[in-house]
C-alpha atoms as a PDB file:
ATOM      1  CA  MET A   1      -2.857   9.330  12.823  1.00  0.00           C
ATOM      2  CA  ALA A   2      -0.606   6.341  13.490  1.00  0.00           C
ATOM      3  CA  ILE A   3       0.225   4.246  10.446  1.00  0.00           C
ATOM      4  CA  ARG A   4      -1.070   1.032  12.019  1.00  0.00           C
ATOM      5  CA  GLN A   5      -4.450   2.686  12.689  1.00  0.00           C
ATOM      6  CA  MET A   6      -4.542   4.026   9.146  1.00  0.00           C
ATOM      7  CA  LEU A   7      -3.703   0.613   7.706  1.00  0.00           C
ATOM      8  CA  ARG A   8      -6.282  -1.140   9.888  1.00  0.00           C
ATOM      9  CA  ARG A   9      -8.895   1.411   8.864  1.00  0.00           C
ATOM     10  CA  SER A  10      -8.137   0.815   5.200  1.00  0.00           C
ATOM     11  CA  LEU A  11      -8.560  -2.941   5.660  1.00  0.00           C
ATOM     12  CA  SER A  12     -11.900  -2.565   7.442  1.00  0.00           C
ATOM     13  CA  SER A  13     -13.201  -0.066   4.900  1.00  0.00           C
ATOM     14  CA  GLU A  14     -12.161  -2.431   2.114  1.00  0.00           C
ATOM     15  CA  ARG A  15     -14.435  -5.083   3.548  1.00  0.00           C
ATOM     16  CA  ARG A  16     -17.369  -2.623   3.595  1.00  0.00           C
ATOM     17  CA  SER A  17     -16.699  -1.080   0.194  1.00  0.00           C
ATOM     18  CA  THR A  18     -18.453  -2.586  -2.777  1.00  0.00           C
ATOM     19  CA  SER A  19     -16.884  -0.428  -5.487  1.00  0.00           C
ATOM     20  CA  VAL A  20     -13.156  -0.128  -5.973  1.00  0.00           C
ATOM     21  CA  GLY A  21     -11.555   3.251  -5.370  1.00  0.00           C
ATOM     22  CA  THR A  22     -14.452   4.962  -3.624  1.00  0.00           C
ATOM     23  CA  ASP A  23     -12.856   4.753  -0.182  1.00  0.00           C
ATOM     24  CA  VAL A  24      -9.487   6.331  -1.060  1.00  0.00           C
ATOM     25  CA  PRO A  25      -9.227   9.828   0.424  1.00  0.00           C
ATOM     26  CA  LYS A  26      -7.642  12.692  -1.461  1.00  0.00           C
ATOM     27  CA  GLY A  27      -3.848  12.624  -1.170  1.00  0.00           C
ATOM     28  CA  HIS A  28      -3.712   8.836  -0.770  1.00  0.00           C
ATOM     29  CA  PHE A  29      -3.619   5.768  -2.994  1.00  0.00           C
ATOM     30  CA  ALA A  30      -4.283   2.062  -2.682  1.00  0.00           C
ATOM     31  CA  VAL A  31      -1.663  -0.661  -2.933  1.00  0.00           C
ATOM     32  CA  TYR A  32      -1.984  -4.423  -2.673  1.00  0.00           C
ATOM     33  CA  VAL A  33       0.622  -6.151  -0.511  1.00  0.00           C
ATOM     34  CA  GLY A  34       1.451  -9.781   0.060  1.00  0.00           C
ATOM     35  CA  GLU A  35       3.260 -12.848  -1.109  1.00  0.00           C
ATOM     36  CA  GLY A  36       0.172 -14.990  -1.515  1.00  0.00           C
ATOM     37  CA  GLU A  37      -3.048 -13.534  -0.221  1.00  0.00           C
ATOM     38  CA  MET A  38      -3.019  -9.833  -1.102  1.00  0.00           C
ATOM     39  CA  LYS A  39      -4.274  -7.182   1.304  1.00  0.00           C
ATOM     40  CA  ARG A  40      -5.201  -3.657   0.303  1.00  0.00           C
ATOM     41  CA  PHE A  41      -3.636  -0.676   2.080  1.00  0.00           C
ATOM     42  CA  ILE A  42      -4.356   3.034   1.702  1.00  0.00           C
ATOM     43  CA  ILE A  43      -1.185   5.110   1.992  1.00  0.00           C
ATOM     44  CA  PRO A  44      -0.277   8.790   1.593  1.00  0.00           C
ATOM     45  CA  LEU A  45       1.101  10.015  -1.735  1.00  0.00           C
ATOM     46  CA  SER A  46       4.053  11.479   0.174  1.00  0.00           C
ATOM     47  CA  PHE A  47       5.448   7.934   0.532  1.00  0.00           C
ATOM     48  CA  LEU A  48       6.366   8.091  -3.163  1.00  0.00           C
ATOM     49  CA  ASN A  49       9.237  10.470  -2.312  1.00  0.00           C
ATOM     50  CA  HIS A  50      10.982   8.112   0.115  1.00  0.00           C
ATOM     51  CA  PRO A  51      13.863   5.902  -1.091  1.00  0.00           C
ATOM     52  CA  SER A  52      12.544   2.900   0.893  1.00  0.00           C
ATOM     53  CA  PHE A  53       9.199   3.062  -0.872  1.00  0.00           C
ATOM     54  CA  GLN A  54      10.851   3.690  -4.234  1.00  0.00           C
ATOM     55  CA  ASN A  55      12.798   0.461  -3.638  1.00  0.00           C
ATOM     56  CA  LEU A  56       9.502  -1.398  -3.149  1.00  0.00           C
ATOM     57  CA  LEU A  57       8.227   0.144  -6.397  1.00  0.00           C
ATOM     58  CA  SER A  58      11.330  -1.080  -8.209  1.00  0.00           C
ATOM     59  CA  GLN A  59      10.723  -4.591  -6.874  1.00  0.00           C
ATOM     60  CA  ALA A  60       7.113  -4.383  -8.050  1.00  0.00           C
ATOM     61  CA  GLU A  61       8.257  -3.284 -11.503  1.00  0.00           C
ATOM     62  CA  GLU A  62      10.751  -6.164 -11.716  1.00  0.00           C
ATOM     63  CA  GLU A  63       8.144  -8.736 -10.695  1.00  0.00           C
ATOM     64  CA  PHE A  64       5.014  -7.427 -12.406  1.00  0.00           C
ATOM     65  CA  GLY A  65       6.125  -4.801 -14.932  1.00  0.00           C
ATOM     66  CA  PHE A  66       3.138  -2.579 -15.480  1.00  0.00           C
ATOM     67  CA  ASN A  67       0.655  -5.450 -15.513  1.00  0.00           C
ATOM     68  CA  HIS A  68      -0.570  -5.653 -11.923  1.00  0.00           C
ATOM     69  CA  PRO A  69      -2.818  -8.696 -11.397  1.00  0.00           C
ATOM     70  CA  MET A  70      -4.941  -7.011  -8.710  1.00  0.00           C
ATOM     71  CA  GLY A  71      -5.898  -4.114 -10.990  1.00  0.00           C
ATOM     72  CA  GLY A  72      -3.862  -1.723  -8.841  1.00  0.00           C
ATOM     73  CA  LEU A  73      -0.310  -1.293  -7.686  1.00  0.00           C
ATOM     74  CA  THR A  74       0.919  -4.591  -6.236  1.00  0.00           C
ATOM     75  CA  ILE A  75       3.894  -4.649  -3.851  1.00  0.00           C
ATOM     76  CA  PRO A  76       5.648  -8.056  -3.656  1.00  0.00           C
ATOM     77  CA  CYS A  77       6.685  -8.194  -0.009  1.00  0.00           C
ATOM     78  CA  SER A  78       5.282  -9.605   3.193  1.00  0.00           C
ATOM     79  CA  GLU A  79       2.566  -7.679   4.985  1.00  0.00           C
ATOM     80  CA  ASP A  80       4.803  -7.385   8.071  1.00  0.00           C
ATOM     81  CA  ALA A  81       7.681  -5.901   6.046  1.00  0.00           C
ATOM     82  CA  PHE A  82       5.318  -3.411   4.404  1.00  0.00           C
ATOM     83  CA  ILE A  83       3.888  -2.323   7.762  1.00  0.00           C
ATOM     84  CA  HIS A  84       7.424  -1.926   9.143  1.00  0.00           C
ATOM     85  CA  ILE A  85       8.512   0.250   6.198  1.00  0.00           C
ATOM     86  CA  SER A  86       5.248   2.229   6.256  1.00  0.00           C
ATOM     87  CA  SER A  87       5.602   2.874   9.980  1.00  0.00           C
ATOM     88  CA  HIS A  88       9.107   4.212   9.431  1.00  0.00           C
ATOM     89  CA  LEU A  89       7.960   6.432   6.564  1.00  0.00           C
ATOM     90  CA  ALA A  90       5.062   7.794   8.601  1.00  0.00           C
ATOM     91  CA  THR A  91       7.420   8.925  11.353  1.00  0.00           C
ATOM     92  CA  THR A  92       9.779  10.675   8.905  1.00  0.00           C
ATOM     93  CA  ARG A  93       7.136  12.720   7.093  1.00  0.00           C
END
């Protein structure tokens, strides 16, 4: 499945979901992305192994520590940058 389709699906399922975490499939996890309004994305666990994603995690740690205001992992970058990085990671899996 293309990363853009996966990300769009996660956004639409977020709108339908009333309880947090029930729409995350096995082998995936939710992150919140944005520099103002946060959007929720569902991404594969395999992204954790990629240096580009590890860099985003380091930025999140520097900005938020382990206290994430959204109640989940928050990535402090623009939505467009996250989609670009995620698209690259999806093609290198």
